């Protein structure tokens, strides 16, 4: 099990959460005293999971799920064409209908 100080936990929380998502546990230490443990959460440990599943089966609830293939479709879009020497600020102002400065 990985250990991390409180300072490391604050500064690198995203990295520690990636480890937890990968199935590892992280023990948080405050001056060499264990104070907390980050562990992966199983889907069935959510207290309202059975109730939410029942509502979903009844058609009263639809859980948010990422659209399948959305990232692949976005990657297929052509990159926007930019004129040489164009100003991003001028383009933004023109898009807003504001006069240039």
Protein backbone atom coordinates (compact mmCIF):
# COMPACT_ATOMS: atom_id res chain seq x y z
CA UNK A 1 0.00 0.00 0.00
CA UNK A 2 1.32 3.44 -0.92
CA UNK A 3 1.68 6.01 1.81
CA UNK A 4 1.46 9.75 1.25
CA UNK A 5 1.90 12.72 3.55
CA UNK A 6 -0.85 15.30 3.94
CA UNK A 7 1.22 17.76 1.90
CA UNK A 8 1.79 15.24 -0.90
CA UNK A 9 -1.92 14.38 -0.84
CA UNK A 10 -2.88 18.03 -1.29
CA UNK A 11 -0.31 18.70 -3.99
CA UNK A 12 -0.80 15.50 -5.97
CA UNK A 13 -4.38 14.45 -5.32
CA UNK A 14 -5.10 13.75 -9.00
CA UNK A 15 -2.16 11.35 -9.24
CA UNK A 16 -3.21 9.57 -6.05
CA UNK A 17 -6.80 9.25 -7.33
CA UNK A 18 -5.51 7.68 -10.55
CA UNK A 19 -3.77 5.04 -8.41
CA UNK A 20 -6.99 4.43 -6.48
CA UNK A 21 -8.99 4.10 -9.72
CA UNK A 22 -6.45 1.50 -10.80
CA UNK A 23 -7.36 -0.55 -7.72
CA UNK A 24 -4.65 0.48 -5.25
CA UNK A 25 -5.10 1.90 -1.75
CA UNK A 26 -3.28 4.96 -0.41
CA UNK A 27 -2.65 5.56 3.29
CA UNK A 28 -2.54 9.26 4.24
CA UNK A 29 -0.05 10.04 7.00
CA UNK A 30 0.10 13.13 9.22
CA UNK A 31 3.53 13.32 10.89
CA UNK A 32 3.99 9.56 10.50
CA UNK A 33 0.57 8.83 12.02
CA UNK A 34 -2.01 7.21 9.71
CA UNK A 35 -5.11 9.42 9.52
CA UNK A 36 -7.01 8.30 6.40
CA UNK A 37 -7.10 5.67 3.68
CA UNK A 38 -8.13 6.20 0.05
CA UNK A 39 -9.63 3.02 -1.39
CA UNK A 40 -11.56 2.18 -4.54
CA UNK A 41 -15.32 2.28 -4.14
CA UNK A 42 -17.33 -0.61 -5.55
CA UNK A 43 -20.51 0.34 -7.39
CA UNK A 44 -22.68 -1.58 -4.94
CA UNK A 45 -21.46 0.41 -1.93
CA UNK A 46 -23.53 3.42 -2.94
CA UNK A 47 -26.31 3.53 -0.30
CA UNK A 48 -29.10 4.41 -2.76
CA UNK A 49 -27.94 2.06 -5.55
CA UNK A 50 -30.87 -0.41 -5.23
CA UNK A 51 -33.39 2.44 -5.07
CA UNK A 52 -31.86 4.17 -8.09
CA UNK A 53 -31.82 0.89 -10.04
CA UNK A 54 -35.53 0.36 -9.26
CA UNK A 55 -36.39 3.88 -10.41
CA UNK A 56 -34.41 3.32 -13.59
CA UNK A 57 -36.26 0.05 -14.30
CA UNK A 58 -39.58 1.88 -13.85
CA UNK A 59 -38.53 4.48 -16.38
CA UNK A 60 -38.65 7.27 -13.80
CA UNK A 61 -34.92 7.89 -13.88
CA UNK A 62 -32.20 7.81 -16.49
CA UNK A 63 -28.63 7.81 -15.25
CA UNK A 64 -26.06 9.95 -16.99
CA UNK A 65 -23.79 7.85 -19.16
CA UNK A 66 -21.14 9.10 -21.58
CA UNK A 67 -22.15 8.73 -25.20
CA UNK A 68 -20.43 5.76 -26.80
CA UNK A 69 -17.88 6.77 -29.39
CA UNK A 70 -18.18 10.51 -28.72
CA UNK A 71 -14.43 11.05 -28.46
CA UNK A 72 -13.79 9.04 -31.62
CA UNK A 73 -16.30 11.19 -33.52
CA UNK A 74 -14.76 14.40 -32.20
CA UNK A 75 -11.31 13.27 -33.34
CA UNK A 76 -12.68 12.79 -36.88
CA UNK A 77 -13.73 16.43 -37.16
CA UNK A 78 -11.40 18.52 -39.29
CA UNK A 79 -9.25 21.07 -37.51
CA UNK A 80 -10.44 24.66 -37.97
CA UNK A 81 -8.57 26.59 -40.64
CA UNK A 82 -6.92 29.75 -39.42
CA UNK A 83 -5.74 32.54 -41.67
CA UNK A 84 -2.06 33.34 -41.44
CA UNK A 85 -1.56 36.38 -39.21
CA UNK A 86 -5.13 36.23 -37.90
CA UNK A 87 -5.81 37.55 -34.42
CA UNK A 88 -7.74 35.31 -32.03
CA UNK A 89 -8.98 38.39 -30.15
CA UNK A 90 -10.20 40.04 -33.36
CA UNK A 91 -12.01 36.83 -34.34
CA UNK A 92 -13.65 36.63 -30.91
CA UNK A 93 -14.76 40.26 -31.05
CA UNK A 94 -16.10 39.78 -34.58
CA UNK A 95 -17.99 36.68 -33.46
CA UNK A 96 -19.56 38.68 -30.62
CA UNK A 97 -20.40 41.50 -33.01
CA UNK A 98 -18.22 43.96 -31.10
CA UNK A 99 -16.01 46.49 -32.87
CA UNK A 100 -12.26 45.82 -32.84
CA UNK A 101 -10.00 47.74 -30.52
